């Protein structure tokens, strides 16, 4: 019976109904639904993300030398770059429900192929987008209105350490109280230490009774977000948590092409120092950024949202087929 779906048909019907509700939420607000490529010649440079890579061999390159045969393509970890190119071309506010891929772990909250909801609101900043996302969460999860807490305050509340000002030694000391001393002893990357502390100590407790928006992440973790004009130590980025689960990651979107290219290049330098392969930068995306309108965007993991909506404890319970049964 190993051919049966991971989730039963009743759960799959609930899944379909919830996704229909999500789609209608954005249609009612006038957003355009779009589709973008799953395969690209460029990839994400983030050191914490790993892409699936394949090779395309088509008629146009069939006469190439054997050593040059094939074009490397990457399964996308997010439709972000292509969606922003649409925004730069004048699409207006858009949303997409797509399959994305990450060559990482498989477990309670992870499947290498998963469904992602991503949307961008032109004219919004990250605070307005948090408002809209809170409305969506209340609709789908019947949850209370979300709490908001800065990244700095979350660390002070749970660990009594300031993530923006503390030294690496002080951060490691906070980790020692969590039995992370051995893990952190040889680690000197500040953001890696902060992420481990956040994952182990803060994420499980910060949003037990209502969703929680954590915002104002350190500027070093800006990714594709603007740096705050009010406090250059932080980026205009937020994440959403509920009942110990990370649901979404959002930005007030950066439109400075030179700054974005610098960040990608810094990522690749860090990848090389960590023994990882540098990833091909999406220069078409970089070229589109000067045309990007002021906007905010967010990516939300639909499968995790469905776990919460259906009261399930494992991602396999909301998937038609997990990687183990595919």
C-alpha atoms as a PDB file:
ATOM      1  CA  UNK A   1       0.000   0.000   0.000  1.00  0.00           C
ATOM      2  CA  UNK A   2       2.989   2.344  -0.397  1.00  0.00           C
ATOM      3  CA  UNK A   3       1.237   3.893  -3.425  1.00  0.00           C
ATOM      4  CA  UNK A   4      -1.365   5.673  -1.264  1.00  0.00           C
ATOM      5  CA  UNK A   5      -1.190   9.488  -0.807  1.00  0.00           C
ATOM      6  CA  UNK A   6       0.492  10.929   2.268  1.00  0.00           C
ATOM      7  CA  UNK A   7      -2.648  12.824   3.321  1.00  0.00           C
ATOM      8  CA  UNK A   8      -6.097  11.245   3.179  1.00  0.00           C
ATOM      9  CA  UNK A   9      -8.668  12.502   0.703  1.00  0.00           C
ATOM     10  CA  UNK A  10     -10.633  14.373   3.373  1.00  0.00           C
ATOM     11  CA  UNK A  11      -7.539  16.415   4.214  1.00  0.00           C
ATOM     12  CA  UNK A  12      -6.812  17.017   0.541  1.00  0.00           C
ATOM     13  CA  UNK A  13     -10.329  18.372   0.056  1.00  0.00           C
ATOM     14  CA  UNK A  14      -9.758  20.728   3.004  1.00  0.00           C
ATOM     15  CA  UNK A  15      -6.455  21.742   1.453  1.00  0.00           C
ATOM     16  CA  UNK A  16      -8.122  22.606  -1.847  1.00  0.00           C
ATOM     17  CA  UNK A  17     -10.810  24.656  -0.105  1.00  0.00           C
ATOM     18  CA  UNK A  18      -8.287  26.656   1.938  1.00  0.00           C
ATOM     19  CA  UNK A  19      -6.136  27.384  -1.127  1.00  0.00           C
ATOM     20  CA  UNK A  20      -9.273  28.549  -2.942  1.00  0.00           C
ATOM     21  CA  UNK A  21      -9.984  30.880  -0.007  1.00  0.00           C
ATOM     22  CA  UNK A  22      -6.441  32.262  -0.166  1.00  0.00           C
ATOM     23  CA  UNK A  23      -6.672  32.848  -3.903  1.00  0.00           C
ATOM     24  CA  UNK A  24     -10.017  34.653  -3.535  1.00  0.00           C
ATOM     25  CA  UNK A  25      -8.547  36.847  -0.747  1.00  0.00           C
ATOM     26  CA  UNK A  26      -6.117  38.359  -3.244  1.00  0.00           C
ATOM     27  CA  UNK A  27      -8.493  38.454  -6.205  1.00  0.00           C
ATOM     28  CA  UNK A  28     -10.940  40.462  -4.078  1.00  0.00           C
ATOM     29  CA  UNK A  29      -8.127  42.959  -3.398  1.00  0.00           C
ATOM     30  CA  UNK A  30      -7.368  43.398  -7.074  1.00  0.00           C
ATOM     31  CA  UNK A  31      -4.019  41.619  -7.219  1.00  0.00           C
ATOM     32  CA  UNK A  32      -3.034  39.969 -10.487  1.00  0.00           C
ATOM     33  CA  UNK A  33      -2.248  36.254 -10.255  1.00  0.00           C
ATOM     34  CA  UNK A  34       0.953  35.430 -12.138  1.00  0.00           C
ATOM     35  CA  UNK A  35       3.093  32.435 -13.054  1.00  0.00           C
ATOM     36  CA  UNK A  36       6.877  32.556 -13.300  1.00  0.00           C
ATOM     37  CA  UNK A  37       9.544  29.985 -14.262  1.00  0.00           C
ATOM     38  CA  UNK A  38      10.512  27.169 -11.955  1.00  0.00           C
ATOM     39  CA  UNK A  39      13.857  26.728 -13.749  1.00  0.00           C
ATOM     40  CA  UNK A  40      16.422  29.504 -14.118  1.00  0.00           C
ATOM     41  CA  UNK A  41      20.041  29.912 -15.184  1.00  0.00           C
ATOM     42  CA  UNK A  42      20.592  31.959 -12.004  1.00  0.00           C
ATOM     43  CA  UNK A  43      20.190  30.910  -8.388  1.00  0.00           C
ATOM     44  CA  UNK A  44      19.884  32.273  -4.895  1.00  0.00           C
ATOM     45  CA  UNK A  45      23.201  33.137  -3.222  1.00  0.00           C
ATOM     46  CA  UNK A  46      21.993  32.932   0.398  1.00  0.00           C
ATOM     47  CA  UNK A  47      24.454  30.764   2.336  1.00  0.00           C
ATOM     48  CA  UNK A  48      21.591  29.111   4.240  1.00  0.00           C
ATOM     49  CA  UNK A  49      19.760  27.948   1.096  1.00  0.00           C
ATOM     50  CA  UNK A  50      20.689  25.070  -1.194  1.00  0.00           C
ATOM     51  CA  UNK A  51      19.319  24.667  -4.739  1.00  0.00           C
ATOM     52  CA  UNK A  52      18.653  21.630  -6.877  1.00  0.00           C
ATOM     53  CA  UNK A  53      20.716  21.793 -10.053  1.00  0.00           C
ATOM     54  CA  UNK A  54      20.075  20.118 -13.378  1.00  0.00           C
ATOM     55  CA  UNK A  55      21.350  20.389 -16.957  1.00  0.00           C
ATOM     56  CA  UNK A  56      19.325  21.281 -20.047  1.00  0.00           C
ATOM     57  CA  UNK A  57      20.379  19.666 -23.324  1.00  0.00           C
ATOM     58  CA  UNK A  58      18.367  21.039 -26.226  1.00  0.00           C
ATOM     59  CA  UNK A  59      18.577  21.079 -30.036  1.00  0.00           C
ATOM     60  CA  UNK A  60      20.202  24.517 -30.053  1.00  0.00           C
ATOM     61  CA  UNK A  61      23.270  23.165 -28.251  1.00  0.00           C
ATOM     62  CA  UNK A  62      23.347  19.612 -29.634  1.00  0.00           C
ATOM     63  CA  UNK A  63      26.414  20.422 -31.764  1.00  0.00           C
ATOM     64  CA  UNK A  64      28.425  21.746 -28.822  1.00  0.00           C
ATOM     65  CA  UNK A  65      31.601  20.054 -27.730  1.00  0.00           C
ATOM     66  CA  UNK A  66      30.938  17.203 -25.265  1.00  0.00           C
ATOM     67  CA  UNK A  67      32.778  19.093 -22.538  1.00  0.00           C
ATOM     68  CA  UNK A  68      30.454  22.078 -23.068  1.00  0.00           C
ATOM     69  CA  UNK A  69      27.233  20.149 -23.561  1.00  0.00           C
ATOM     70  CA  UNK A  70      24.294  21.345 -21.493  1.00  0.00           C
ATOM     71  CA  UNK A  71      23.164  24.536 -19.783  1.00  0.00           C
ATOM     72  CA  UNK A  72      23.030  24.491 -15.991  1.00  0.00           C
ATOM     73  CA  UNK A  73      19.581  25.279 -14.607  1.00  0.00           C
ATOM     74  CA  UNK A  74      18.414  25.654 -11.021  1.00  0.00           C
ATOM     75  CA  UNK A  75      15.041  24.834  -9.492  1.00  0.00           C
ATOM     76  CA  UNK A  76      13.918  28.027  -7.811  1.00  0.00           C
ATOM     77  CA  UNK A  77      13.772  28.354  -4.025  1.00  0.00           C
ATOM     78  CA  UNK A  78      11.335  31.254  -4.464  1.00  0.00           C
ATOM     79  CA  UNK A  79       9.693  33.062  -7.410  1.00  0.00           C
ATOM     80  CA  UNK A  80      10.937  36.382  -5.980  1.00  0.00           C
ATOM     81  CA  UNK A  81      13.397  37.464  -8.681  1.00  0.00           C
ATOM     82  CA  UNK A  82      11.003  36.844 -11.563  1.00  0.00           C
ATOM     83  CA  UNK A  83       8.059  38.414  -9.738  1.00  0.00           C
ATOM     84  CA  UNK A  84      10.076  41.562  -9.112  1.00  0.00           C
ATOM     85  CA  UNK A  85      10.980  41.700 -12.785  1.00  0.00           C
ATOM     86  CA  UNK A  86       7.241  41.698 -13.507  1.00  0.00           C
ATOM     87  CA  UNK A  87       6.758  44.506 -10.987  1.00  0.00           C
ATOM     88  CA  UNK A  88       9.545  46.469 -12.663  1.00  0.00           C
ATOM     89  CA  UNK A  89       7.784  45.954 -16.004  1.00  0.00           C
ATOM     90  CA  UNK A  90       4.630  47.605 -14.607  1.00  0.00           C
ATOM     91  CA  UNK A  91       2.482  44.645 -13.547  1.00  0.00           C
ATOM     92  CA  UNK A  92       1.088  46.363 -10.463  1.00  0.00           C
ATOM     93  CA  UNK A  93       0.407  44.354  -7.300  1.00  0.00           C
ATOM     94  CA  UNK A  94       0.716  40.598  -7.891  1.00  0.00           C
ATOM     95  CA  UNK A  95       0.496  37.224  -6.173  1.00  0.00           C
ATOM     96  CA  UNK A  96       1.493  33.656  -6.974  1.00  0.00           C
ATOM     97  CA  UNK A  97       0.937  30.190  -5.515  1.00  0.00           C
ATOM     98  CA  UNK A  98       3.759  28.014  -6.788  1.00  0.00           C
ATOM     99  CA  UNK A  99       5.903  24.970  -6.180  1.00  0.00           C
ATOM    100  CA  UNK A 100       9.427  25.759  -4.999  1.00  0.00           C
ATOM    101  CA  UNK A 101      12.395  23.538  -4.166  1.00  0.00           C
ATOM    102  CA  UNK A 102      15.137  23.492  -1.552  1.00  0.00           C
ATOM    103  CA  UNK A 103      17.799  20.800  -1.406  1.00  0.00           C
ATOM    104  CA  UNK A 104      17.824  20.602   2.358  1.00  0.00           C
ATOM    105  CA  UNK A 105      16.304  18.567   5.134  1.00  0.00           C
ATOM    106  CA  UNK A 106      13.117  16.529   5.119  1.00  0.00           C
ATOM    107  CA  UNK A 107      11.163  16.315   8.351  1.00  0.00           C
ATOM    108  CA  UNK A 108       8.252  17.540  10.415  1.00  0.00           C
ATOM    109  CA  UNK A 109       8.169  21.013   8.838  1.00  0.00           C
ATOM    110  CA  UNK A 110      10.224  20.405   5.690  1.00  0.00           C
ATOM    111  CA  UNK A 111       9.741  18.762   2.332  1.00  0.00           C
ATOM    112  CA  UNK A 112      12.205  19.509  -0.488  1.00  0.00           C
ATOM    113  CA  UNK A 113       9.285  20.392  -2.778  1.00  0.00           C
ATOM    114  CA  UNK A 114       6.668  22.633  -1.200  1.00  0.00           C
ATOM    115  CA  UNK A 115       3.985  25.204  -1.965  1.00  0.00           C
ATOM    116  CA  UNK A 116       4.715  28.897  -1.504  1.00  0.00           C
ATOM    117  CA  UNK A 117       2.392  31.884  -1.528  1.00  0.00           C
ATOM    118  CA  UNK A 118       4.225  35.044  -2.496  1.00  0.00           C
ATOM    119  CA  UNK A 119       2.699  38.475  -3.001  1.00  0.00           C
ATOM    120  CA  UNK A 120       3.755  42.081  -3.548  1.00  0.00           C
ATOM    121  CA  UNK A 121       1.758  45.209  -2.846  1.00  0.00           C
ATOM    122  CA  UNK A 122       2.818  48.324  -4.739  1.00  0.00           C
ATOM    123  CA  UNK A 123       2.774  51.399  -2.502  1.00  0.00           C
ATOM    124  CA  UNK A 124       2.935  49.333   0.707  1.00  0.00           C
ATOM    125  CA  UNK A 125       5.710  49.323   3.284  1.00  0.00           C
ATOM    126  CA  UNK A 126       6.374  46.313   5.507  1.00  0.00           C
ATOM    127  CA  UNK A 127       4.002  47.565   8.221  1.00  0.00           C
ATOM    128  CA  UNK A 128       1.048  47.798   5.819  1.00  0.00           C
ATOM    129  CA  UNK A 129       1.917  44.350   4.525  1.00  0.00           C
ATOM    130  CA  UNK A 130       1.912  43.002   8.096  1.00  0.00           C
ATOM    131  CA  UNK A 131      -1.615  44.411   8.466  1.00  0.00           C
ATOM    132  CA  UNK A 132      -2.769  42.579   5.346  1.00  0.00           C
ATOM    133  CA  UNK A 133      -1.070  39.351   6.314  1.00  0.00           C
ATOM    134  CA  UNK A 134      -2.683  39.505   9.743  1.00  0.00           C
ATOM    135  CA  UNK A 135      -6.075  39.671   8.006  1.00  0.00           C
ATOM    136  CA  UNK A 136      -5.199  36.599   5.932  1.00  0.00           C
ATOM    137  CA  UNK A 137      -4.055  34.636   8.992  1.00  0.00           C
ATOM    138  CA  UNK A 138      -7.231  35.484  10.882  1.00  0.00           C
ATOM    139  CA  UNK A 139      -9.299  34.362   7.880  1.00  0.00           C
ATOM    140  CA  UNK A 140      -7.512  31.034   7.392  1.00  0.00           C
ATOM    141  CA  UNK A 141      -6.583  30.155  10.982  1.00  0.00           C
ATOM    142  CA  UNK A 142      -9.379  31.920  12.899  1.00  0.00           C
ATOM    143  CA  UNK A 143      -6.531  33.279  15.021  1.00  0.00           C
ATOM    144  CA  UNK A 144      -6.369  36.329  17.228  1.00  0.00           C
ATOM    145  CA  UNK A 145      -4.849  39.500  15.837  1.00  0.00           C
ATOM    146  CA  UNK A 146      -1.090  39.066  15.627  1.00  0.00           C
ATOM    147  CA  UNK A 147       1.365  40.511  18.106  1.00  0.00           C
ATOM    148  CA  UNK A 148       4.323  42.588  16.882  1.00  0.00           C
ATOM    149  CA  UNK A 149       7.766  42.522  18.452  1.00  0.00           C
ATOM    150  CA  UNK A 150      11.140  43.786  17.259  1.00  0.00           C
ATOM    151  CA  UNK A 151      13.983  41.313  16.846  1.00  0.00           C
ATOM    152  CA  UNK A 152      15.876  43.211  19.537  1.00  0.00           C
ATOM    153  CA  UNK A 153      13.003  43.073  22.039  1.00  0.00           C
ATOM    154  CA  UNK A 154      12.469  39.344  21.399  1.00  0.00           C
ATOM    155  CA  UNK A 155      16.082  38.618  22.387  1.00  0.00           C
ATOM    156  CA  UNK A 156      15.858  40.871  25.428  1.00  0.00           C
ATOM    157  CA  UNK A 157      12.573  39.268  26.493  1.00  0.00           C
ATOM    158  CA  UNK A 158      13.664  35.634  26.164  1.00  0.00           C
ATOM    159  CA  UNK A 159      17.469  35.677  26.550  1.00  0.00           C
ATOM    160  CA  UNK A 160      18.159  39.028  28.252  1.00  0.00           C
ATOM    161  CA  UNK A 161      20.814  39.829  25.647  1.00  0.00           C
ATOM    162  CA  UNK A 162      20.819  42.626  23.036  1.00  0.00           C
ATOM    163  CA  UNK A 163      21.384  41.115  19.560  1.00  0.00           C
ATOM    164  CA  UNK A 164      22.338  44.492  18.083  1.00  0.00           C
ATOM    165  CA  UNK A 165      24.906  45.471  20.694  1.00  0.00           C
ATOM    166  CA  UNK A 166      26.177  42.314  22.423  1.00  0.00           C
ATOM    167  CA  UNK A 167      29.632  40.990  21.622  1.00  0.00           C
ATOM    168  CA  UNK A 168      30.097  37.525  20.123  1.00  0.00           C
ATOM    169  CA  UNK A 169      31.390  36.372  23.518  1.00  0.00           C
ATOM    170  CA  UNK A 170      28.206  37.605  25.201  1.00  0.00           C
ATOM    171  CA  UNK A 171      26.045  35.883  22.598  1.00  0.00           C
ATOM    172  CA  UNK A 172      27.951  32.643  23.129  1.00  0.00           C
ATOM    173  CA  UNK A 173      27.446  32.986  26.862  1.00  0.00           C
ATOM    174  CA  UNK A 174      23.692  33.201  26.269  1.00  0.00           C
ATOM    175  CA  UNK A 175      23.989  30.052  24.158  1.00  0.00           C
ATOM    176  CA  UNK A 176      25.855  28.235  26.891  1.00  0.00           C
ATOM    177  CA  UNK A 177      22.803  28.552  29.133  1.00  0.00           C
ATOM    178  CA  UNK A 178      20.901  26.625  26.428  1.00  0.00           C
ATOM    179  CA  UNK A 179      23.476  23.823  26.284  1.00  0.00           C
ATOM    180  CA  UNK A 180      24.765  25.224  22.977  1.00  0.00           C
ATOM    181  CA  UNK A 181      28.245  25.955  24.255  1.00  0.00           C
ATOM    182  CA  UNK A 182      29.919  23.105  22.350  1.00  0.00           C
ATOM    183  CA  UNK A 183      28.100  23.962  19.116  1.00  0.00           C
ATOM    184  CA  UNK A 184      29.012  27.649  19.332  1.00  0.00           C
ATOM    185  CA  UNK A 185      32.554  27.284  20.638  1.00  0.00           C
ATOM    186  CA  UNK A 186      34.200  27.325  17.182  1.00  0.00           C
ATOM    187  CA  UNK A 187      31.625  29.566  15.487  1.00  0.00           C
ATOM    188  CA  UNK A 188      32.672  33.158  14.808  1.00  0.00           C
ATOM    189  CA  UNK A 189      29.993  34.260  12.361  1.00  0.00           C
ATOM    190  CA  UNK A 190      27.718  36.610  14.279  1.00  0.00           C
ATOM    191  CA  UNK A 191      24.624  35.972  12.166  1.00  0.00           C
ATOM    192  CA  UNK A 192      25.003  32.203  12.393  1.00  0.00           C
ATOM    193  CA  UNK A 193      25.152  32.505  16.183  1.00  0.00           C
ATOM    194  CA  UNK A 194      22.117  34.803  16.252  1.00  0.00           C
ATOM    195  CA  UNK A 195      20.117  32.486  14.020  1.00  0.00           C
ATOM    196  CA  UNK A 196      20.905  29.478  16.178  1.00  0.00           C
ATOM    197  CA  UNK A 197      19.922  31.336  19.354  1.00  0.00           C
ATOM    198  CA  UNK A 198      16.713  32.552  17.739  1.00  0.00           C
ATOM    199  CA  UNK A 199      15.791  29.085  16.459  1.00  0.00           C
ATOM    200  CA  UNK A 200      16.472  27.262  19.732  1.00  0.00           C
ATOM    201  CA  UNK A 201      15.340  29.785  22.344  1.00  0.00           C
ATOM    202  CA  UNK A 202      12.938  32.302  20.812  1.00  0.00           C
ATOM    203  CA  UNK A 203      11.063  30.631  17.973  1.00  0.00           C
ATOM    204  CA  UNK A 204       9.453  27.928  20.163  1.00  0.00           C
ATOM    205  CA  UNK A 205       7.995  30.401  22.702  1.00  0.00           C
ATOM    206  CA  UNK A 206       7.393  33.735  20.981  1.00  0.00           C
ATOM    207  CA  UNK A 207       3.956  33.027  19.449  1.00  0.00           C
ATOM    208  CA  UNK A 208       2.180  30.293  21.368  1.00  0.00           C
ATOM    209  CA  UNK A 209      -1.240  31.981  21.701  1.00  0.00           C
ATOM    210  CA  UNK A 210      -1.383  34.283  18.684  1.00  0.00           C
ATOM    211  CA  UNK A 211       0.749  34.816  15.579  1.00  0.00           C
ATOM    212  CA  UNK A 212       3.720  37.116  16.106  1.00  0.00           C
ATOM    213  CA  UNK A 213       5.482  39.401  13.633  1.00  0.00           C
ATOM    214  CA  UNK A 214       9.180  39.760  14.410  1.00  0.00           C
ATOM    215  CA  UNK A 215      10.558  42.809  12.606  1.00  0.00           C
ATOM    216  CA  UNK A 216      13.646  45.034  12.393  1.00  0.00           C
ATOM    217  CA  UNK A 217      16.117  42.219  11.787  1.00  0.00           C
ATOM    218  CA  UNK A 218      19.832  43.087  11.962  1.00  0.00           C
ATOM    219  CA  UNK A 219      21.051  44.949   8.862  1.00  0.00           C
ATOM    220  CA  UNK A 220      23.483  42.077   8.212  1.00  0.00           C
ATOM    221  CA  UNK A 221      20.423  39.850   7.676  1.00  0.00           C
ATOM    222  CA  UNK A 222      18.671  42.254   5.293  1.00  0.00           C
ATOM    223  CA  UNK A 223      18.769  39.869   2.288  1.00  0.00           C
ATOM    224  CA  UNK A 224      16.585  41.828  -0.183  1.00  0.00           C
ATOM    225  CA  UNK A 225      15.148  44.405   2.236  1.00  0.00           C
ATOM    226  CA  UNK A 226      15.825  48.107   2.668  1.00  0.00           C
ATOM    227  CA  UNK A 227      17.935  49.289   5.592  1.00  0.00           C
ATOM    228  CA  UNK A 228      15.897  51.392   8.033  1.00  0.00           C
ATOM    229  CA  UNK A 229      16.358  55.143   7.682  1.00  0.00           C
ATOM    230  CA  UNK A 230      15.519  55.490  11.376  1.00  0.00           C
ATOM    231  CA  UNK A 231      18.049  52.949  12.645  1.00  0.00           C
ATOM    232  CA  UNK A 232      20.818  51.790  10.270  1.00  0.00           C
ATOM    233  CA  UNK A 233      21.480  48.817  12.534  1.00  0.00           C
ATOM    234  CA  UNK A 234      18.291  47.125  11.302  1.00  0.00           C
ATOM    235  CA  UNK A 235      16.592  46.126   8.066  1.00  0.00           C
ATOM    236  CA  UNK A 236      12.929  46.615   7.136  1.00  0.00           C
ATOM    237  CA  UNK A 237      12.303  42.882   7.210  1.00  0.00           C
ATOM    238  CA  UNK A 238       9.829  40.741   9.140  1.00  0.00           C
ATOM    239  CA  UNK A 239       9.101  37.101   9.824  1.00  0.00           C
ATOM    240  CA  UNK A 240       5.890  35.537  11.099  1.00  0.00           C
ATOM    241  CA  UNK A 241       5.666  32.788  13.710  1.00  0.00           C
ATOM    242  CA  UNK A 242       2.781  30.864  15.227  1.00  0.00           C
ATOM    243  CA  UNK A 243       2.832  27.930  17.653  1.00  0.00           C
ATOM    244  CA  UNK A 244       6.537  27.355  17.157  1.00  0.00           C
ATOM    245  CA  UNK A 245       6.360  27.403  13.345  1.00  0.00           C
ATOM    246  CA  UNK A 246       8.005  29.958  11.050  1.00  0.00           C
ATOM    247  CA  UNK A 247       5.384  30.830   8.443  1.00  0.00           C
ATOM    248  CA  UNK A 248       6.652  33.729   6.360  1.00  0.00           C
ATOM    249  CA  UNK A 249       9.440  36.150   5.521  1.00  0.00           C
ATOM    250  CA  UNK A 250       8.747  39.654   4.197  1.00  0.00           C
ATOM    251  CA  UNK A 251      10.571  42.814   3.129  1.00  0.00           C
ATOM    252  CA  UNK A 252      10.144  46.453   2.355  1.00  0.00           C
ATOM    253  CA  UNK A 253      11.802  45.784  -0.974  1.00  0.00           C
ATOM    254  CA  UNK A 254      15.244  47.074  -1.894  1.00  0.00           C
ATOM    255  CA  UNK A 255      15.452  48.792  -5.302  1.00  0.00           C
ATOM    256  CA  UNK A 256      19.128  49.814  -5.187  1.00  0.00           C
ATOM    257  CA  UNK A 257      20.781  47.595  -7.809  1.00  0.00           C
ATOM    258  CA  UNK A 258      24.356  48.376  -6.721  1.00  0.00           C
ATOM    259  CA  UNK A 259      23.584  47.548  -3.085  1.00  0.00           C
ATOM    260  CA  UNK A 260      21.783  44.330  -4.043  1.00  0.00           C
ATOM    261  CA  UNK A 261      24.683  43.214  -6.231  1.00  0.00           C
ATOM    262  CA  UNK A 262      27.103  43.919  -3.381  1.00  0.00           C
ATOM    263  CA  UNK A 263      25.019  41.713  -1.069  1.00  0.00           C
ATOM    264  CA  UNK A 264      24.950  38.863  -3.577  1.00  0.00           C
ATOM    265  CA  UNK A 265      28.703  39.106  -4.054  1.00  0.00           C
ATOM    266  CA  UNK A 266      29.225  39.155  -0.280  1.00  0.00           C
ATOM    267  CA  UNK A 267      27.062  36.016  -0.044  1.00  0.00           C
ATOM    268  CA  UNK A 268      29.238  34.245  -2.587  1.00  0.00           C
ATOM    269  CA  UNK A 269      32.423  35.266  -0.792  1.00  0.00           C
ATOM    270  CA  UNK A 270      30.995  33.851   2.420  1.00  0.00           C
ATOM    271  CA  UNK A 271      29.938  30.665   0.602  1.00  0.00           C
ATOM    272  CA  UNK A 272      33.508  30.134  -0.606  1.00  0.00           C
ATOM    273  CA  UNK A 273      34.914  30.737   2.876  1.00  0.00           C
ATOM    274  CA  UNK A 274      32.464  28.125   4.186  1.00  0.00           C
ATOM    275  CA  UNK A 275      33.504  25.574   1.581  1.00  0.00           C
ATOM    276  CA  UNK A 276      30.335  25.995  -0.501  1.00  0.00           C
ATOM    277  CA  UNK A 277      30.057  26.592  -4.237  1.00  0.00           C
ATOM    278  CA  UNK A 278      29.431  30.190  -5.344  1.00  0.00           C
ATOM    279  CA  UNK A 279      26.063  30.528  -7.088  1.00  0.00           C
ATOM    280  CA  UNK A 280      25.369  32.284 -10.426  1.00  0.00           C
ATOM    281  CA  UNK A 281      23.973  35.768  -9.778  1.00  0.00           C
ATOM    282  CA  UNK A 282      20.764  36.819 -11.527  1.00  0.00           C
ATOM    283  CA  UNK A 283      22.024  39.881 -13.402  1.00  0.00           C
ATOM    284  CA  UNK A 284      18.693  40.295 -15.215  1.00  0.00           C
ATOM    285  CA  UNK A 285      17.073  40.762 -11.825  1.00  0.00           C
ATOM    286  CA  UNK A 286      19.783  43.237 -10.811  1.00  0.00           C
ATOM    287  CA  UNK A 287      19.204  45.215 -14.028  1.00  0.00           C
ATOM    288  CA  UNK A 288      15.459  45.419 -13.321  1.00  0.00           C
ATOM    289  CA  UNK A 289      15.774  46.913  -9.834  1.00  0.00           C
ATOM    290  CA  UNK A 290      16.047  50.619 -10.809  1.00  0.00           C
ATOM    291  CA  UNK A 291      12.550  50.209 -12.313  1.00  0.00           C
ATOM    292  CA  UNK A 292      11.058  48.489  -9.247  1.00  0.00           C
ATOM    293  CA  UNK A 293       8.222  50.566  -7.748  1.00  0.00           C
ATOM    294  CA  UNK A 294       8.053  51.175  -4.011  1.00  0.00           C
ATOM    295  CA  UNK A 295       6.545  47.946  -2.705  1.00  0.00           C
ATOM    296  CA  UNK A 296       6.591  45.350   0.037  1.00  0.00           C
ATOM    297  CA  UNK A 297       6.489  41.603  -0.481  1.00  0.00           C
ATOM    298  CA  UNK A 298       6.247  38.414   1.533  1.00  0.00           C
ATOM    299  CA  UNK A 299       6.589  34.656   0.992  1.00  0.00           C
ATOM    300  CA  UNK A 300       4.418  32.327   3.095  1.00  0.00           C
ATOM    301  CA  UNK A 301       4.746  28.548   3.330  1.00  0.00           C
ATOM    302  CA  UNK A 302       1.306  27.215   2.433  1.00  0.00           C
ATOM    303  CA  UNK A 303       1.930  23.677   3.689  1.00  0.00           C
ATOM    304  CA  UNK A 304       2.880  24.930   7.153  1.00  0.00           C
ATOM    305  CA  UNK A 305      -0.145  27.224   7.172  1.00  0.00           C
ATOM    306  CA  UNK A 306      -2.307  24.225   6.298  1.00  0.00           C
ATOM    307  CA  UNK A 307      -0.756  22.218   9.137  1.00  0.00           C
ATOM    308  CA  UNK A 308      -1.935  24.882  11.567  1.00  0.00           C
ATOM    309  CA  UNK A 309      -5.351  25.253   9.929  1.00  0.00           C
ATOM    310  CA  UNK A 310      -5.987  21.491  10.051  1.00  0.00           C
ATOM    311  CA  UNK A 311      -4.372  20.821  13.419  1.00  0.00           C
ATOM    312  CA  UNK A 312      -1.731  18.511  11.959  1.00  0.00           C
ATOM    313  CA  UNK A 313       1.696  17.909  13.490  1.00  0.00           C
ATOM    314  CA  UNK A 314       3.593  16.766  10.365  1.00  0.00           C
ATOM    315  CA  UNK A 315       3.845  18.310   6.913  1.00  0.00           C
ATOM    316  CA  UNK A 316       3.211  14.896   5.304  1.00  0.00           C
ATOM    317  CA  UNK A 317      -0.355  15.071   6.657  1.00  0.00           C
ATOM    318  CA  UNK A 318      -1.219  17.949   4.315  1.00  0.00           C
ATOM    319  CA  UNK A 319       0.660  16.816   1.194  1.00  0.00           C
ATOM    320  CA  UNK A 320      -0.763  14.566  -1.507  1.00  0.00           C
ATOM    321  CA  UNK A 321       2.632  12.839  -1.711  1.00  0.00           C
ATOM    322  CA  UNK A 322       5.694  13.610   0.402  1.00  0.00           C
ATOM    323  CA  UNK A 323       9.206  13.036  -0.887  1.00  0.00           C
ATOM    324  CA  UNK A 324       9.185   9.571   0.720  1.00  0.00           C
ATOM    325  CA  UNK A 325       6.179   8.486  -1.361  1.00  0.00           C
ATOM    326  CA  UNK A 326       6.793  10.424  -4.564  1.00  0.00           C
END
